Amino acid sequence: MQTERELRELLVEFGRRLWDRGLIGACEGNISIRVDANRLLCTPAGASKGHLEPDGLVMAGIKQRWFAGGEPTSEVALHVACYAARDDIGAVIHAHPAIATGFSLAGETIPTGVLNEADLVLGEVALVPYAVPASDDVPRKIKPFLHNHNVFLLAHHGAVAFGTGLHEAYNRMETLERCAQIILTARTLGRVNSIPSANAAELLGVSEAASGG
């Protein structure tokens, strides 16, 4: 089991990765990691995720509202709602990947059945109706999708990815943007072709076998 110090350093590392990859810019986005059943560690308000410090992160309550170590991200209610809904969530990333966010502006999500990586890593990507950022409407709008999805596009607002830990959540966020880029490229070349149905069924079997399903 990782110590609190190790979790702080890990969160800082993934903040830098997101910033380096251009998945967030300026002071956008927010990241959190579950410490235990009652606590989460999250990014502070107004901070560049590429320049975080371990001691500058904020501890927050999951079952009760409290903060320690500074002012948490303005989207802390979104993070709390995710951990409270699912015990298997160990990390939450909210980022603004440019191309994937562009899909949300167009009222679209990432289609299934066209990319192996999308189907295996992301699963079905939910498109969550618009909510004013940092409002209580954000967790309310995402709630109906929480139990059946691990990746979300927030209309006009960015994306959210879960994972058992930060590695998995980050991989899903990076894959989301990569798939959005590939699909947009295919559209500029003419059209997006679907994986043949027989192969799609075979892919589903591979996915279920890998997950123990």
Protein backbone atom coordinates (compact mmCIF):
# COMPACT_ATOMS: atom_id res chain seq x y z
CA MET A 1 0.00 0.00 0.00
CA GLN A 2 1.36 3.40 -0.96
CA THR A 3 2.07 6.02 1.67
CA GLU A 4 0.44 9.44 1.54
CA ARG A 5 3.77 10.92 0.46
CA GLU A 6 4.04 8.46 -2.41
CA LEU A 7 0.49 9.31 -3.52
CA ARG A 8 1.31 13.01 -3.45
CA GLU A 9 4.38 12.49 -5.61
CA LEU A 10 2.43 10.27 -8.00
CA LEU A 11 -0.30 12.87 -8.46
CA VAL A 12 2.32 15.54 -9.19
CA GLU A 13 3.92 13.24 -11.79
CA PHE A 14 0.65 12.66 -13.63
CA GLY A 15 -0.21 16.35 -13.52
CA ARG A 16 3.05 16.97 -15.35
CA ARG A 17 2.30 14.21 -17.87
CA LEU A 18 -1.12 15.68 -18.68
CA TRP A 19 0.39 19.15 -19.10
CA ASP A 20 3.33 17.87 -21.20
CA ARG A 21 0.94 16.00 -23.53
CA GLY A 22 -1.25 19.07 -23.99
CA LEU A 23 -4.27 17.37 -22.44
CA ILE A 24 -4.58 20.38 -20.14
CA GLY A 25 -3.22 23.91 -20.44
CA ALA A 26 -2.81 26.94 -18.19
CA CYS A 27 -4.67 26.17 -14.95
CA GLU A 28 -7.29 23.90 -16.54
CA GLY A 29 -8.41 20.53 -15.26
CA ASN A 30 -8.18 18.73 -11.94
CA ILE A 31 -6.89 15.42 -10.65
CA SER A 32 -7.59 13.34 -7.56
CA ILE A 33 -6.62 10.03 -6.04
CA ARG A 34 -8.38 8.03 -3.33
CA VAL A 35 -6.35 7.80 -0.12
CA ASP A 36 -8.80 5.60 1.77
CA ALA A 37 -12.55 5.11 2.16
CA ASN A 38 -12.96 8.55 3.71
CA ARG A 39 -10.33 10.75 2.03
CA LEU A 40 -9.14 11.89 -1.36
CA LEU A 41 -6.12 13.92 -2.38
CA CYS A 42 -6.70 16.52 -5.09
CA THR A 43 -5.17 19.41 -6.96
CA PRO A 44 -5.58 22.90 -5.48
CA ALA A 45 -7.65 25.66 -7.06
CA GLY A 46 -5.98 27.79 -9.70
CA ALA A 47 -2.79 25.76 -10.08
CA SER A 48 -0.99 24.69 -13.25
CA LYS A 49 -1.03 20.90 -13.29
CA GLY A 50 2.41 20.92 -14.89
CA HIS A 51 3.96 22.72 -11.93
CA LEU A 52 2.45 21.13 -8.84
CA GLU A 53 4.28 20.49 -5.58
CA PRO A 54 3.51 17.47 -3.33
CA ASP A 55 2.95 19.67 -0.27
CA GLY A 56 0.62 21.95 -2.21
CA LEU A 57 -2.04 19.29 -2.76
CA VAL A 58 -5.30 19.34 -0.81
CA MET A 59 -6.90 16.58 1.26
CA ALA A 60 -10.70 16.36 1.16
CA GLY A 61 -13.42 14.25 2.71
CA ILE A 62 -15.51 11.80 0.72
CA LYS A 63 -18.28 11.02 3.18
CA GLN A 64 -18.23 14.40 4.92
CA ARG A 65 -17.39 17.85 3.55
CA TRP A 66 -14.01 19.06 4.80
CA PHE A 67 -10.69 20.22 3.33
CA ALA A 68 -7.14 20.43 4.64
CA GLY A 69 -4.04 21.99 3.14
CA GLY A 70 -5.62 24.79 1.12
CA GLU A 71 -8.46 25.46 -1.28
CA PRO A 72 -9.35 22.42 -3.39
CA THR A 73 -10.16 22.41 -7.07
CA SER A 74 -13.46 24.08 -7.87
CA GLU A 75 -14.65 20.72 -9.25
CA VAL A 76 -14.07 18.82 -5.99
CA ALA A 77 -17.79 17.94 -5.80
CA LEU A 78 -17.44 16.01 -9.08
CA HIS A 79 -14.56 13.97 -7.65
CA VAL A 80 -16.36 13.29 -4.37
CA ALA A 81 -19.47 12.11 -6.24
CA CYS A 82 -17.41 9.64 -8.29
CA TYR A 83 -15.69 8.04 -5.28
CA ALA A 84 -18.92 7.93 -3.30
CA ALA A 85 -20.72 6.12 -6.14
CA ARG A 86 -18.12 3.44 -6.90
CA ASP A 87 -15.66 1.74 -4.58
CA ASP A 88 -13.58 0.55 -7.55
CA ILE A 89 -12.60 4.08 -8.56
CA GLY A 90 -9.13 4.90 -7.28
CA ALA A 91 -8.40 8.01 -9.35
CA VAL A 92 -10.29 10.65 -11.33
CA ILE A 93 -8.89 12.94 -14.02
CA HIS A 94 -10.78 15.87 -15.52
CA ALA A 95 -8.92 17.36 -18.47
CA HIS A 96 -9.54 19.45 -21.58
CA PRO A 97 -8.10 17.38 -24.47
CA ALA A 98 -8.55 19.68 -27.47
CA ILE A 99 -9.88 17.33 -30.14
CA ALA A 100 -12.03 15.19 -27.85
CA THR A 101 -13.50 18.37 -26.36
CA GLY A 102 -14.22 19.52 -29.90
CA PHE A 103 -16.36 16.39 -30.34
CA SER A 104 -18.38 17.48 -27.29
CA LEU A 105 -18.94 20.92 -28.82
CA ALA A 106 -20.34 19.21 -31.88
CA GLY A 107 -22.67 17.15 -29.69
CA GLU A 108 -20.81 13.94 -30.53
CA THR A 109 -18.97 11.24 -28.62
CA ILE A 110 -16.33 8.72 -29.70
CA PRO A 111 -18.06 6.01 -31.76
CA THR A 112 -17.69 2.35 -30.87
CA GLY A 113 -16.85 -0.31 -33.42
CA VAL A 114 -14.28 1.69 -35.39
CA LEU A 115 -11.06 1.51 -33.36
CA ASN A 116 -9.74 -1.42 -31.33
CA GLU A 117 -8.18 0.92 -28.76
CA ALA A 118 -11.41 2.80 -28.25
CA ASP A 119 -13.43 -0.34 -27.62
CA LEU A 120 -10.84 -2.08 -25.41
CA VAL A 121 -9.46 0.85 -23.39
CA LEU A 122 -12.36 3.29 -23.29
CA GLY A 123 -15.51 1.26 -23.72
CA GLU A 124 -18.57 3.35 -24.48
CA VAL A 125 -17.81 7.03 -23.92
CA ALA A 126 -20.76 8.86 -22.42
CA LEU A 127 -21.70 12.36 -23.61
CA VAL A 128 -22.90 14.22 -20.52
CA PRO A 129 -25.30 17.16 -21.04
CA TYR A 130 -23.94 20.64 -20.38
CA ALA A 131 -23.60 21.88 -16.82
CA VAL A 132 -22.03 25.12 -15.62
CA PRO A 133 -18.45 24.29 -14.58
CA ALA A 134 -17.80 24.07 -10.83
CA SER A 135 -21.53 24.00 -10.06
CA ASP A 136 -23.43 21.26 -8.25
CA ASP A 137 -25.06 20.58 -11.60
CA VAL A 138 -21.88 18.85 -12.84
CA PRO A 139 -22.05 15.84 -10.47
CA ARG A 140 -25.83 15.75 -10.89
CA LYS A 141 -25.58 15.52 -14.68
CA ILE A 142 -22.86 12.85 -14.60
CA LYS A 143 -24.60 10.69 -11.96
CA PRO A 144 -26.84 8.68 -14.37
CA PHE A 145 -23.73 7.55 -16.30
CA LEU A 146 -21.42 6.73 -13.40
CA HIS A 147 -22.05 3.02 -13.00
CA ASN A 148 -21.81 2.02 -16.67
CA HIS A 149 -18.95 4.16 -18.00
CA ASN A 150 -15.32 4.93 -17.20
CA VAL A 151 -14.80 7.77 -19.66
CA PHE A 152 -17.04 10.80 -20.26
CA LEU A 153 -17.19 13.79 -22.55
CA LEU A 154 -18.73 16.77 -20.77
CA ALA A 155 -20.59 18.90 -23.30
CA HIS A 156 -18.64 22.13 -23.92
CA HIS A 157 -16.38 21.37 -20.97
CA GLY A 158 -13.79 18.62 -21.51
CA ALA A 159 -13.50 15.03 -20.41
CA VAL A 160 -13.39 12.82 -17.32
CA ALA A 161 -11.68 9.46 -16.96
CA PHE A 162 -11.65 7.01 -14.04
CA GLY A 163 -9.30 4.21 -13.13
CA THR A 164 -8.35 1.90 -10.32
CA GLY A 165 -5.32 4.17 -10.06
CA LEU A 166 -3.79 7.16 -11.81
CA HIS A 167 -2.01 5.03 -14.41
CA GLU A 168 -5.29 3.60 -15.70
CA ALA A 169 -7.16 6.91 -15.55
CA TYR A 170 -4.34 8.65 -17.42
CA ASN A 171 -4.12 5.93 -20.07
CA ARG A 172 -7.83 6.29 -20.72
CA MET A 173 -7.57 10.06 -21.05
CA GLU A 174 -4.62 9.85 -23.43
CA THR A 175 -6.34 7.13 -25.46
CA LEU A 176 -9.51 9.24 -25.66
CA GLU A 177 -7.63 12.12 -27.28
CA ARG A 178 -5.66 9.79 -29.54
CA CYS A 179 -8.84 8.12 -30.80
CA ALA A 180 -10.52 11.48 -31.35
CA GLN A 181 -7.54 12.59 -33.43
CA ILE A 182 -7.58 9.43 -35.56
CA ILE A 183 -11.34 9.63 -36.17
CA LEU A 184 -11.11 13.31 -37.12
CA THR A 185 -8.29 12.46 -39.54
CA ALA A 186 -10.39 9.70 -41.13
CA ARG A 187 -13.25 12.14 -41.60
CA THR A 188 -11.02 14.64 -43.37
CA LEU A 189 -9.95 11.83 -45.72
CA GLY A 190 -13.54 10.93 -46.52
CA ARG A 191 -15.27 8.59 -44.07
CA VAL A 192 -14.96 6.44 -40.93
CA ASN A 193 -15.43 2.73 -41.68
CA SER A 194 -16.69 0.36 -39.02
CA ILE A 195 -14.90 -2.81 -37.94
CA PRO A 196 -16.68 -5.78 -39.61
CA SER A 197 -19.29 -7.17 -37.21
CA ALA A 198 -17.67 -10.63 -36.99
CA ASN A 199 -14.34 -9.08 -36.03
CA ALA A 200 -16.04 -6.78 -33.55
CA ALA A 201 -17.56 -9.83 -31.81
CA GLU A 202 -14.13 -11.48 -31.72
CA LEU A 203 -12.66 -8.31 -30.21
CA LEU A 204 -15.36 -8.34 -27.53
CA GLY A 205 -14.42 -11.92 -26.67
CA VAL A 206 -10.76 -10.94 -26.32
CA SER A 207 -11.74 -8.06 -24.05
CA GLU A 208 -13.91 -10.27 -21.81
CA ALA A 209 -11.19 -12.93 -21.59
CA ALA A 210 -8.59 -10.34 -20.61
CA SER A 211 -10.85 -8.94 -17.89
CA GLY A 212 -11.83 -12.35 -16.57
CA GLY A 213 -15.42 -11.97 -17.80
